N, C-alpha and C. Protein backbone atom coordinates (compact mmCIF):
# COMPACT_ATOMS: atom_id res chain seq x y z
N MET A 1 168.61 -106.25 99.28
CA MET A 1 168.59 -105.42 98.03
C MET A 1 168.29 -106.54 97.09
N GLU A 2 167.45 -106.60 96.22
CA GLU A 2 167.56 -107.52 94.80
C GLU A 2 167.74 -107.23 93.70
N PHE A 3 169.01 -107.87 93.11
CA PHE A 3 169.64 -107.47 92.01
C PHE A 3 169.12 -108.51 90.65
N SER A 4 168.80 -107.59 89.40
CA SER A 4 168.58 -108.51 88.29
C SER A 4 169.48 -108.76 87.43
N SER A 5 171.03 -108.73 87.91
CA SER A 5 171.74 -109.08 87.17
C SER A 5 173.09 -109.31 88.46
N LYS A 6 173.69 -110.95 88.35
CA LYS A 6 174.78 -111.08 89.31
C LYS A 6 175.77 -110.53 88.95
N LEU A 7 176.19 -109.69 87.68
CA LEU A 7 177.55 -108.85 87.55
C LEU A 7 177.25 -107.61 88.10
N LEU A 8 176.14 -107.10 88.30
CA LEU A 8 175.93 -105.83 88.66
C LEU A 8 175.77 -106.22 90.27
N GLU A 9 175.53 -107.10 90.86
CA GLU A 9 175.05 -107.40 92.66
C GLU A 9 176.86 -107.69 93.01
N LYS A 10 177.74 -108.44 91.92
CA LYS A 10 179.17 -108.28 92.43
C LYS A 10 179.80 -107.17 92.31
N ALA A 11 179.58 -106.37 91.31
CA ALA A 11 180.28 -105.08 91.32
C ALA A 11 179.86 -104.16 92.43
N VAL A 12 178.58 -104.13 93.04
CA VAL A 12 178.14 -103.37 93.88
C VAL A 12 178.62 -103.89 95.34
N SER A 13 178.72 -105.08 95.23
CA SER A 13 179.51 -105.79 96.71
C SER A 13 180.85 -105.25 96.94
N GLU A 14 181.64 -105.23 95.64
CA GLU A 14 183.42 -104.87 95.91
C GLU A 14 183.00 -103.63 95.88
N MET A 15 182.37 -102.71 95.57
CA MET A 15 182.22 -101.12 95.85
C MET A 15 182.03 -100.69 97.22
N SER A 16 181.00 -101.52 97.60
CA SER A 16 180.89 -100.97 98.76
C SER A 16 181.58 -101.60 100.02
N GLN A 17 182.88 -102.26 99.65
CA GLN A 17 184.06 -102.51 100.96
C GLN A 17 184.80 -101.58 100.61
N LEU A 18 184.70 -100.26 99.97
CA LEU A 18 185.28 -99.60 100.48
C LEU A 18 184.95 -98.33 101.81
N PRO A 19 185.87 -97.74 102.29
CA PRO A 19 185.57 -96.97 103.55
C PRO A 19 184.20 -95.91 103.15
N GLY A 20 183.42 -96.04 103.84
CA GLY A 20 182.15 -94.73 103.98
C GLY A 20 181.41 -95.27 102.92
N ILE A 21 181.43 -96.38 102.02
CA ILE A 21 180.06 -96.62 100.77
C ILE A 21 179.50 -97.58 101.47
N GLY A 22 178.21 -97.34 101.59
CA GLY A 22 177.46 -98.50 102.06
C GLY A 22 176.39 -99.11 100.47
N LYS A 23 175.67 -99.96 100.53
CA LYS A 23 175.26 -100.62 99.28
C LYS A 23 174.49 -99.68 98.53
N ARG A 24 173.51 -98.44 98.78
CA ARG A 24 172.96 -97.72 98.33
C ARG A 24 173.82 -96.83 97.53
N THR A 25 174.63 -96.50 98.22
CA THR A 25 176.07 -95.41 97.30
C THR A 25 176.88 -96.28 96.38
N ALA A 26 176.90 -97.31 96.61
CA ALA A 26 177.85 -98.40 95.65
C ALA A 26 176.84 -98.61 94.70
N LEU A 27 175.54 -98.88 94.84
CA LEU A 27 174.95 -98.95 93.68
C LEU A 27 174.75 -97.85 92.80
N ARG A 28 174.68 -96.65 93.61
CA ARG A 28 174.55 -95.76 92.54
C ARG A 28 175.80 -95.27 91.77
N LEU A 29 176.84 -95.46 92.41
CA LEU A 29 178.41 -95.46 91.41
C LEU A 29 178.45 -96.41 90.58
N VAL A 30 178.30 -97.62 90.66
CA VAL A 30 178.00 -98.29 90.00
C VAL A 30 176.99 -98.40 88.59
N LEU A 31 175.80 -97.76 88.77
CA LEU A 31 175.02 -97.33 87.74
C LEU A 31 175.55 -96.05 87.01
N HIS A 32 176.32 -95.24 87.43
CA HIS A 32 176.72 -94.18 87.01
C HIS A 32 177.87 -94.69 85.75
N LEU A 33 178.83 -95.67 86.47
CA LEU A 33 179.86 -96.23 85.38
C LEU A 33 179.05 -96.86 84.01
N LEU A 34 178.03 -97.56 84.48
CA LEU A 34 177.27 -98.03 83.36
C LEU A 34 176.74 -96.99 82.53
N LYS A 35 176.25 -95.77 82.98
CA LYS A 35 176.17 -94.99 82.03
C LYS A 35 176.83 -94.14 81.00
N GLN A 36 178.15 -94.24 81.61
CA GLN A 36 179.33 -93.62 81.12
C GLN A 36 180.21 -94.40 79.64
N PRO A 37 180.80 -93.75 78.99
CA PRO A 37 181.37 -94.70 77.82
C PRO A 37 182.17 -95.71 78.45
N LYS A 38 182.30 -97.28 77.65
CA LYS A 38 183.13 -97.55 78.00
C LYS A 38 184.54 -97.40 78.48
N GLU A 39 184.88 -96.78 77.91
CA GLU A 39 186.39 -96.50 77.66
C GLU A 39 186.40 -95.70 78.98
N GLN A 40 185.92 -94.50 79.57
CA GLN A 40 185.84 -94.25 80.83
C GLN A 40 185.90 -95.25 81.95
N THR A 41 185.66 -96.22 81.73
CA THR A 41 185.41 -97.37 82.85
C THR A 41 186.92 -98.29 82.89
N ASP A 42 187.16 -98.34 81.45
CA ASP A 42 188.38 -98.82 81.07
C ASP A 42 189.56 -98.05 81.87
N PHE A 43 189.67 -96.26 81.40
CA PHE A 43 190.45 -95.45 82.13
C PHE A 43 190.73 -96.16 83.60
N LEU A 44 189.39 -95.94 84.13
CA LEU A 44 189.47 -96.05 85.71
C LEU A 44 189.92 -97.10 86.14
N THR A 45 189.88 -98.25 85.63
CA THR A 45 190.35 -99.64 85.98
C THR A 45 192.02 -99.86 85.71
N GLN A 46 192.01 -99.31 84.60
CA GLN A 46 193.41 -99.12 84.27
C GLN A 46 194.28 -98.30 85.22
N ALA A 47 193.55 -97.44 85.71
CA ALA A 47 194.43 -96.47 86.76
C ALA A 47 194.38 -96.87 87.85
N LEU A 48 193.75 -97.42 88.35
CA LEU A 48 193.71 -98.58 89.78
C LEU A 48 194.68 -99.59 89.68
N THR A 49 194.56 -100.25 88.52
CA THR A 49 195.81 -101.64 88.20
C THR A 49 197.03 -101.10 88.50
N ASN A 50 197.37 -99.94 87.69
CA ASN A 50 198.41 -99.25 87.54
C ASN A 50 198.99 -98.83 88.85
N MET A 51 198.32 -98.11 89.75
CA MET A 51 198.30 -97.70 90.86
C MET A 51 198.68 -98.90 92.04
N ARG A 52 198.03 -100.27 91.97
CA ARG A 52 198.12 -101.23 92.80
C ARG A 52 199.48 -101.67 92.60
N ASN A 53 199.82 -101.90 91.29
CA ASN A 53 200.68 -102.93 91.28
C ASN A 53 202.35 -101.86 90.97
N ASP A 54 202.44 -100.76 90.69
CA ASP A 54 203.44 -99.97 90.35
C ASP A 54 203.82 -98.96 91.30
N ILE A 55 203.07 -98.66 92.26
CA ILE A 55 203.02 -97.88 93.49
C ILE A 55 204.27 -98.38 94.34
N LYS A 56 205.06 -97.52 94.98
CA LYS A 56 206.10 -97.40 95.92
C LYS A 56 206.04 -96.64 97.14
N PHE A 57 206.83 -97.27 98.19
CA PHE A 57 206.83 -96.47 99.33
C PHE A 57 208.03 -95.61 99.64
N CYS A 58 208.43 -94.60 99.60
CA CYS A 58 209.84 -93.90 99.34
C CYS A 58 210.44 -94.75 100.88
N LYS A 59 211.92 -94.97 100.51
CA LYS A 59 212.68 -95.78 100.99
C LYS A 59 213.37 -94.81 102.43
N ASN A 60 213.04 -93.58 102.29
CA ASN A 60 213.86 -92.69 103.19
C ASN A 60 212.77 -92.42 104.43
N CYS A 61 211.17 -91.75 104.14
CA CYS A 61 210.39 -91.67 104.91
C CYS A 61 208.76 -92.16 104.79
N HIS A 62 208.96 -93.41 103.92
CA HIS A 62 207.92 -94.09 103.78
C HIS A 62 206.47 -93.88 103.28
N ASN A 63 206.48 -92.29 102.53
CA ASN A 63 205.34 -92.07 101.99
C ASN A 63 205.25 -92.47 100.72
N ILE A 64 204.12 -92.51 99.98
CA ILE A 64 203.62 -93.06 98.82
C ILE A 64 204.42 -92.17 97.69
N SER A 65 205.06 -93.00 96.88
CA SER A 65 205.59 -92.38 95.64
C SER A 65 205.88 -93.28 94.76
N ASP A 66 205.73 -92.40 93.33
CA ASP A 66 205.95 -93.31 91.94
C ASP A 66 207.63 -93.94 92.02
N ILE A 67 208.66 -93.60 92.88
CA ILE A 67 209.96 -93.82 92.70
C ILE A 67 210.45 -94.03 94.10
N GLU A 68 211.79 -94.71 94.21
CA GLU A 68 212.06 -94.87 95.36
C GLU A 68 212.41 -93.92 96.31
N VAL A 69 212.63 -92.88 95.88
CA VAL A 69 212.59 -91.42 97.00
C VAL A 69 211.76 -90.54 96.64
N CYS A 70 210.79 -90.14 97.36
CA CYS A 70 209.94 -89.42 97.15
C CYS A 70 210.32 -88.26 96.53
N GLU A 71 209.24 -87.18 96.12
CA GLU A 71 209.91 -85.80 95.77
C GLU A 71 210.38 -85.06 96.71
N ILE A 72 209.73 -84.92 98.15
CA ILE A 72 209.96 -84.24 99.17
C ILE A 72 211.59 -84.58 99.84
N CYS A 73 211.85 -85.46 99.79
CA CYS A 73 212.75 -86.38 100.44
C CYS A 73 213.99 -85.94 99.23
N ALA A 74 213.53 -85.97 97.74
CA ALA A 74 214.95 -85.67 97.15
C ALA A 74 214.96 -83.98 96.85
N ASN A 75 213.97 -83.12 97.51
CA ASN A 75 214.14 -81.89 97.28
C ASN A 75 215.41 -81.39 98.11
N PRO A 76 216.29 -80.87 97.29
CA PRO A 76 217.47 -79.99 98.20
C PRO A 76 217.30 -79.21 99.03
N SER A 77 216.03 -78.37 98.83
CA SER A 77 215.78 -77.39 99.61
C SER A 77 215.18 -77.25 100.83
N ARG A 78 215.01 -78.75 101.07
CA ARG A 78 214.25 -79.05 102.19
C ARG A 78 215.13 -79.13 103.66
N ASN A 79 214.86 -79.23 104.56
CA ASN A 79 215.58 -79.21 105.83
C ASN A 79 215.80 -80.63 106.34
N TYR A 80 216.58 -81.28 106.09
CA TYR A 80 216.60 -82.75 106.40
C TYR A 80 216.52 -83.05 107.98
N LYS A 81 217.10 -81.85 108.62
CA LYS A 81 217.28 -82.21 110.04
C LYS A 81 216.23 -82.04 110.96
N ILE A 82 215.07 -81.37 110.21
CA ILE A 82 213.46 -81.54 111.01
C ILE A 82 212.52 -82.54 110.33
N ILE A 83 212.30 -83.49 110.95
CA ILE A 83 211.06 -84.55 110.55
C ILE A 83 210.04 -84.24 111.44
N CYS A 84 208.87 -84.62 110.88
CA CYS A 84 207.90 -84.23 111.04
C CYS A 84 206.94 -85.49 111.04
N VAL A 85 206.99 -86.19 112.09
CA VAL A 85 206.44 -87.29 112.37
C VAL A 85 204.42 -87.50 112.00
N VAL A 86 204.16 -88.48 110.88
CA VAL A 86 202.68 -88.41 110.62
C VAL A 86 202.13 -89.76 110.80
N GLU A 87 201.11 -90.05 110.63
CA GLU A 87 200.07 -91.18 110.45
C GLU A 87 200.61 -91.65 109.21
N ASP A 88 199.88 -91.08 108.16
CA ASP A 88 199.86 -91.57 106.72
C ASP A 88 199.84 -90.36 105.81
N VAL A 89 199.90 -90.82 104.69
CA VAL A 89 200.07 -89.92 103.29
C VAL A 89 198.87 -88.97 103.57
N ARG A 90 197.66 -88.80 104.03
CA ARG A 90 196.71 -87.97 104.07
C ARG A 90 197.15 -86.89 104.64
N ASP A 91 197.98 -86.93 105.97
CA ASP A 91 198.85 -86.08 106.87
C ASP A 91 199.61 -85.23 106.22
N VAL A 92 200.42 -86.06 105.24
CA VAL A 92 201.60 -85.12 104.64
C VAL A 92 201.15 -84.04 103.27
N MET A 93 199.86 -84.63 102.90
CA MET A 93 199.33 -83.97 101.74
C MET A 93 198.89 -82.63 102.70
N ALA A 94 197.88 -82.86 103.73
CA ALA A 94 197.02 -81.61 104.71
C ALA A 94 198.76 -80.87 104.93
N ILE A 95 199.34 -81.17 105.58
CA ILE A 95 200.53 -80.22 106.18
C ILE A 95 201.33 -79.39 104.88
N GLU A 96 201.64 -80.22 103.82
CA GLU A 96 202.11 -79.67 102.42
C GLU A 96 201.13 -78.50 101.74
N ASN A 97 199.94 -78.43 102.15
CA ASN A 97 199.06 -77.54 101.38
C ASN A 97 199.13 -76.23 102.78
N THR A 98 199.70 -76.42 103.37
CA THR A 98 199.74 -75.28 104.40
C THR A 98 200.79 -74.25 103.47
N GLY A 99 202.00 -74.92 103.45
CA GLY A 99 203.10 -74.30 102.99
C GLY A 99 204.05 -73.75 103.91
N GLN A 100 203.93 -74.20 105.21
CA GLN A 100 204.30 -73.69 106.41
C GLN A 100 205.75 -74.56 106.95
N PHE A 101 205.80 -75.58 106.41
CA PHE A 101 206.89 -76.59 106.67
C PHE A 101 207.46 -77.01 105.46
N ARG A 102 208.86 -76.70 105.83
CA ARG A 102 210.24 -77.00 105.02
C ARG A 102 211.07 -78.14 105.25
N GLY A 103 210.83 -78.90 106.43
CA GLY A 103 211.52 -80.09 106.60
C GLY A 103 211.17 -81.19 105.99
N ILE A 104 211.34 -82.54 106.40
CA ILE A 104 210.83 -83.73 105.73
C ILE A 104 209.89 -84.42 106.59
N TYR A 105 209.23 -85.57 106.41
CA TYR A 105 208.39 -86.08 107.26
C TYR A 105 209.09 -87.83 107.27
N HIS A 106 208.27 -88.26 108.35
CA HIS A 106 208.39 -89.98 108.32
C HIS A 106 206.91 -90.45 108.73
N VAL A 107 206.56 -90.91 107.91
CA VAL A 107 205.06 -91.58 107.86
C VAL A 107 204.89 -93.06 108.64
N LEU A 108 204.39 -93.01 109.78
CA LEU A 108 204.59 -94.36 110.93
C LEU A 108 203.63 -95.11 110.07
N GLY A 109 202.56 -95.18 109.28
CA GLY A 109 201.77 -95.96 108.93
C GLY A 109 200.53 -96.42 109.87
N GLY A 110 200.35 -95.80 110.72
CA GLY A 110 198.91 -95.83 111.52
C GLY A 110 199.76 -95.46 112.77
N LYS A 111 198.75 -96.02 113.87
CA LYS A 111 199.06 -95.43 115.20
C LYS A 111 198.75 -96.60 116.31
N ILE A 112 199.54 -96.70 117.48
CA ILE A 112 199.54 -97.63 118.28
C ILE A 112 197.82 -97.67 118.83
N SER A 113 197.44 -99.14 118.80
CA SER A 113 195.98 -99.30 119.06
C SER A 113 195.92 -100.68 119.60
N PRO A 114 196.23 -100.86 121.08
CA PRO A 114 196.08 -102.04 121.32
C PRO A 114 194.92 -103.08 120.83
N ILE A 115 193.67 -102.28 121.17
CA ILE A 115 192.52 -103.02 120.79
C ILE A 115 192.27 -103.24 119.54
N ASP A 116 193.04 -102.56 118.45
CA ASP A 116 192.86 -103.14 117.14
C ASP A 116 194.01 -104.09 116.60
N GLY A 117 194.98 -104.35 118.12
CA GLY A 117 196.13 -105.20 117.70
C GLY A 117 197.06 -104.67 117.20
N ILE A 118 197.04 -103.52 117.20
CA ILE A 118 198.17 -102.55 116.23
C ILE A 118 199.31 -102.26 117.36
N GLY A 119 200.46 -102.54 117.11
CA GLY A 119 201.74 -102.27 118.45
C GLY A 119 202.80 -101.57 117.71
N PRO A 120 203.70 -101.22 117.96
CA PRO A 120 204.93 -100.49 117.59
C PRO A 120 205.58 -101.56 116.39
N SER A 121 205.70 -102.64 116.38
CA SER A 121 206.11 -103.49 115.44
C SER A 121 205.58 -103.31 114.19
N GLN A 122 204.22 -102.98 114.15
CA GLN A 122 203.52 -102.97 113.16
C GLN A 122 203.50 -101.47 112.32
N LEU A 123 203.96 -100.69 112.86
CA LEU A 123 204.45 -99.23 112.83
C LEU A 123 205.97 -98.92 111.94
N ASN A 124 206.03 -97.98 111.01
CA ASN A 124 207.52 -97.50 111.04
C ASN A 124 208.31 -96.67 111.83
N VAL A 125 208.50 -97.43 113.11
CA VAL A 125 208.83 -96.79 114.41
C VAL A 125 210.52 -97.10 114.40
N ALA A 126 210.79 -98.37 113.92
CA ALA A 126 212.28 -98.47 114.24
C ALA A 126 212.94 -97.50 113.11
N SER A 127 212.64 -97.58 112.20
CA SER A 127 213.27 -96.84 111.18
C SER A 127 213.54 -95.36 111.77
N LEU A 128 212.59 -94.81 112.28
CA LEU A 128 212.63 -93.49 112.98
C LEU A 128 213.64 -93.47 114.11
N VAL A 129 213.88 -94.09 114.90
CA VAL A 129 214.63 -94.21 115.80
C VAL A 129 215.85 -94.49 115.47
N GLU A 130 216.25 -95.29 114.25
CA GLU A 130 217.62 -95.38 113.83
C GLU A 130 218.04 -94.29 113.15
N LYS A 131 217.00 -92.99 112.51
CA LYS A 131 217.44 -91.76 111.88
C LYS A 131 218.13 -91.31 112.95
N VAL A 132 217.14 -91.07 114.27
CA VAL A 132 217.71 -90.31 115.29
C VAL A 132 218.96 -90.70 115.80
N LYS A 133 219.14 -92.30 115.84
CA LYS A 133 220.41 -92.50 116.65
C LYS A 133 221.56 -92.19 115.78
N ALA A 134 221.36 -92.01 114.47
CA ALA A 134 222.60 -91.54 113.21
C ALA A 134 223.31 -90.33 113.48
N GLY A 135 221.98 -89.36 114.28
CA GLY A 135 222.94 -88.22 114.75
C GLY A 135 222.67 -86.99 113.43
N ASN A 136 221.76 -87.20 112.66
CA ASN A 136 221.64 -86.08 111.57
C ASN A 136 220.27 -85.32 111.79
N VAL A 137 219.62 -85.81 112.85
CA VAL A 137 218.25 -85.21 113.33
C VAL A 137 218.48 -84.23 114.39
N GLU A 138 217.99 -82.72 114.07
CA GLU A 138 217.99 -81.80 115.14
C GLU A 138 216.70 -81.69 116.07
N GLU A 139 215.64 -82.34 115.34
CA GLU A 139 214.30 -81.71 115.88
C GLU A 139 213.25 -83.14 115.13
N ILE A 140 212.32 -83.47 116.43
CA ILE A 140 211.11 -84.31 115.79
C ILE A 140 209.98 -83.53 116.10
N ILE A 141 209.22 -83.40 115.08
CA ILE A 141 207.98 -82.87 115.34
C ILE A 141 206.55 -83.92 115.33
N PHE A 142 205.96 -84.34 116.37
CA PHE A 142 205.11 -84.94 116.63
C PHE A 142 203.68 -84.26 115.90
N ALA A 143 203.12 -84.70 114.89
CA ALA A 143 202.14 -84.21 113.84
C ALA A 143 200.87 -85.55 114.12
N LEU A 144 200.47 -86.07 114.85
CA LEU A 144 199.53 -87.38 114.98
C LEU A 144 198.27 -86.44 115.45
N SER A 145 197.20 -87.42 115.19
CA SER A 145 195.89 -86.87 115.49
C SER A 145 195.68 -86.73 116.88
N SER A 146 195.16 -85.70 117.30
CA SER A 146 194.76 -85.68 118.86
C SER A 146 193.94 -86.31 119.54
N THR A 147 194.20 -87.90 119.49
CA THR A 147 193.26 -88.89 119.81
C THR A 147 193.86 -89.27 121.07
N MET A 148 193.50 -90.47 121.88
CA MET A 148 194.07 -91.44 122.69
C MET A 148 195.27 -92.10 121.99
N GLU A 149 195.09 -92.76 120.68
CA GLU A 149 196.10 -93.34 120.01
C GLU A 149 196.88 -92.81 119.53
N GLY A 150 196.61 -91.47 118.92
CA GLY A 150 197.98 -90.41 118.74
C GLY A 150 198.82 -90.09 119.99
N ASP A 151 198.12 -89.85 121.20
CA ASP A 151 199.05 -89.45 122.11
C ASP A 151 199.75 -90.67 122.61
N THR A 152 199.18 -91.67 122.82
CA THR A 152 199.93 -92.80 122.93
C THR A 152 201.06 -93.30 122.20
N THR A 153 201.23 -93.03 120.83
CA THR A 153 202.11 -93.32 119.97
C THR A 153 203.05 -92.16 120.10
N ASN A 154 202.79 -91.01 120.11
CA ASN A 154 203.70 -90.13 120.69
C ASN A 154 204.54 -90.39 121.46
N PHE A 155 203.97 -90.50 122.69
CA PHE A 155 204.52 -90.92 124.32
C PHE A 155 205.39 -92.31 123.80
N TYR A 156 205.17 -92.95 123.10
CA TYR A 156 206.08 -94.43 122.75
C TYR A 156 207.25 -93.94 122.10
N ILE A 157 207.26 -93.16 120.90
CA ILE A 157 208.39 -92.64 120.67
C ILE A 157 209.11 -91.95 121.14
N TYR A 158 208.60 -90.75 121.86
CA TYR A 158 209.44 -90.15 122.95
C TYR A 158 210.45 -90.69 123.87
N LYS A 159 209.83 -91.93 124.42
CA LYS A 159 210.61 -92.69 125.34
C LYS A 159 211.56 -93.36 124.69
N GLN A 160 211.49 -93.52 123.39
CA GLN A 160 212.51 -94.50 122.25
C GLN A 160 213.85 -93.10 122.25
N ILE A 161 213.65 -91.92 121.99
CA ILE A 161 214.52 -91.02 121.95
C ILE A 161 214.62 -89.97 122.45
N LYS A 162 214.21 -89.76 123.92
CA LYS A 162 214.05 -88.59 124.48
C LYS A 162 215.93 -88.70 125.37
N ASP A 163 216.96 -89.46 125.04
CA ASP A 163 218.25 -89.48 125.63
C ASP A 163 219.17 -89.41 124.48
N SER A 164 218.10 -88.60 123.09
CA SER A 164 219.43 -88.68 122.08
C SER A 164 219.73 -87.32 121.89
N GLY A 165 219.21 -86.48 122.59
CA GLY A 165 219.55 -85.02 122.56
C GLY A 165 218.94 -84.45 121.42
N VAL A 166 217.86 -84.87 121.00
CA VAL A 166 217.22 -84.15 119.83
C VAL A 166 216.00 -83.63 120.33
N THR A 167 215.64 -82.21 119.78
CA THR A 167 214.39 -81.86 119.71
C THR A 167 213.25 -82.51 119.72
N THR A 168 212.40 -82.41 120.71
CA THR A 168 211.00 -82.82 120.47
C THR A 168 210.19 -82.02 120.72
N SER A 169 209.03 -81.82 119.60
CA SER A 169 208.22 -80.88 119.94
C SER A 169 206.60 -81.39 119.26
N SER A 170 205.71 -80.52 119.58
CA SER A 170 204.59 -80.89 118.98
C SER A 170 203.61 -80.04 118.52
N ILE A 171 202.98 -80.05 117.62
CA ILE A 171 202.02 -79.22 116.89
C ILE A 171 201.11 -78.69 118.08
N ALA A 172 200.98 -77.13 117.88
CA ALA A 172 200.03 -76.53 118.96
C ALA A 172 198.76 -77.09 118.79
N ARG A 173 197.70 -76.91 119.61
CA ARG A 173 196.67 -77.56 120.01
C ARG A 173 195.48 -76.64 119.51
N GLY A 174 195.51 -76.05 118.16
CA GLY A 174 195.14 -75.47 117.55
C GLY A 174 193.77 -76.51 116.81
N ILE A 175 194.23 -77.92 116.69
CA ILE A 175 193.84 -78.91 116.54
C ILE A 175 192.78 -79.13 117.51
N SER A 176 191.65 -79.13 117.82
CA SER A 176 190.84 -80.09 118.62
C SER A 176 190.97 -81.02 118.86
N VAL A 177 191.15 -81.45 120.67
CA VAL A 177 191.33 -83.06 120.88
C VAL A 177 190.43 -84.02 120.48
N GLY A 178 190.85 -85.14 119.63
CA GLY A 178 189.84 -86.23 119.28
C GLY A 178 189.70 -85.62 117.46
N ASP A 179 190.11 -84.83 117.00
CA ASP A 179 190.23 -84.43 115.71
C ASP A 179 191.38 -85.24 115.12
N GLU A 180 191.01 -85.84 113.74
CA GLU A 180 191.87 -86.20 112.60
C GLU A 180 192.65 -85.01 111.97
N LEU A 181 193.85 -85.27 111.84
CA LEU A 181 194.65 -83.80 111.19
C LEU A 181 194.21 -83.66 109.57
N GLU A 182 193.73 -84.65 108.78
CA GLU A 182 193.76 -84.63 107.74
C GLU A 182 192.40 -83.72 107.77
N TYR A 183 191.31 -83.55 108.51
CA TYR A 183 190.35 -82.76 108.52
C TYR A 183 190.44 -81.08 109.27
N ALA A 184 191.63 -80.66 109.50
CA ALA A 184 191.89 -79.83 109.97
C ALA A 184 191.92 -78.49 108.65
N ASP A 185 191.75 -77.43 108.72
CA ASP A 185 191.58 -76.38 107.68
C ASP A 185 193.16 -76.08 107.90
N GLU A 186 193.49 -75.45 106.24
CA GLU A 186 194.95 -74.94 106.44
C GLU A 186 195.33 -74.17 107.44
N VAL A 187 194.67 -73.06 107.39
CA VAL A 187 194.95 -71.93 108.36
C VAL A 187 195.71 -72.52 109.67
N THR A 188 194.61 -73.34 109.95
CA THR A 188 194.60 -73.79 111.56
C THR A 188 195.97 -74.52 111.65
N LEU A 189 196.03 -75.65 110.83
CA LEU A 189 197.22 -76.58 110.64
C LEU A 189 198.41 -76.18 110.23
N GLY A 190 198.59 -74.92 109.45
CA GLY A 190 199.72 -74.12 109.45
C GLY A 190 200.06 -73.40 110.65
N ARG A 191 199.01 -73.08 111.13
CA ARG A 191 199.42 -72.27 112.47
C ARG A 191 199.90 -73.34 113.83
N SER A 192 199.77 -74.41 113.67
CA SER A 192 199.79 -75.42 114.46
C SER A 192 201.28 -75.78 114.24
N ILE A 193 201.75 -76.19 113.17
CA ILE A 193 203.07 -76.29 112.94
C ILE A 193 203.85 -75.24 113.12
N VAL A 194 203.68 -74.09 112.93
CA VAL A 194 204.40 -72.93 113.25
C VAL A 194 204.59 -72.87 114.48
N ASN A 195 203.48 -72.66 115.52
CA ASN A 195 203.71 -72.56 116.78
C ASN A 195 203.89 -73.86 117.79
N ARG A 196 204.37 -74.36 116.94
CA ARG A 196 204.67 -75.77 117.86
C ARG A 196 205.23 -75.63 119.15
N ILE A 197 204.91 -76.51 119.87
CA ILE A 197 205.34 -76.20 121.42
C ILE A 197 206.29 -77.62 121.84
N PRO A 198 207.01 -77.38 122.92
CA PRO A 198 208.09 -78.66 123.50
C PRO A 198 206.96 -79.81 123.83
N PHE A 199 207.60 -81.03 123.18
CA PHE A 199 206.57 -82.00 123.46
C PHE A 199 206.54 -82.65 124.94
N GLU A 200 207.43 -82.12 125.75
CA GLU A 200 207.04 -82.22 127.33
C GLU A 200 206.15 -81.56 128.14
N ASN A 201 205.78 -80.52 127.13
CA ASN A 201 204.76 -79.61 127.50
C ASN A 201 203.34 -80.46 127.48
N SER A 202 203.54 -81.21 126.47
CA SER A 202 202.23 -81.81 126.16
C SER A 202 201.95 -83.32 127.23
N LEU A 203 202.83 -83.46 127.75
CA LEU A 203 202.76 -84.78 128.62
C LEU A 203 201.82 -84.66 129.73
N ARG A 204 201.67 -83.33 130.24
CA ARG A 204 200.70 -83.17 131.20
C ARG A 204 199.24 -83.48 130.97
N ASN A 205 199.04 -83.61 129.53
CA ASN A 205 197.62 -84.12 129.43
C ASN A 205 197.43 -85.75 128.97
N ILE A 206 198.91 -86.59 129.08
CA ILE A 206 198.52 -87.75 129.20
C ILE A 206 198.18 -88.55 130.08
């Protein structure tokens, strides 16, 4: 792809680093920004800069937040004894949109994937185990995607806490095997949370 401007080429190159954005899509987005008032681009760059510099991770659940404790963890109407374990913030948003879950979350920040060099130490597993060992948790709900990596992560955590006496459950398989949680429709995802099953039942499929 030939560019008439090095500045344009650099902008397209940086934009194309985003997931799912190829060079042609990046060029279309950059040219769109050029057509907008300069102030609009300034608002965008400032919003991205503020997000990158000021965003925090909840000290309780590791969810993305503007403050040290996210709004969900700070909400006194939530049931702190039930923890839903998810991969990242997109899954929190997906489950919250169902309106079917009133517990709190624990964001792992990924899934165990040896082929990608991601092990338990790279995830927020230790802090989850500590919560369970503290004795204030009644149920852990595994809500990771129905993939090999998701099932491996679920099983690893289960082995760490199985002797704690805490109930472990898994979202019902209304979510197709291999599907990412964030792409499930709200009705299906909501039913999967409500109709969760004992985690031990899902071990037969691992």
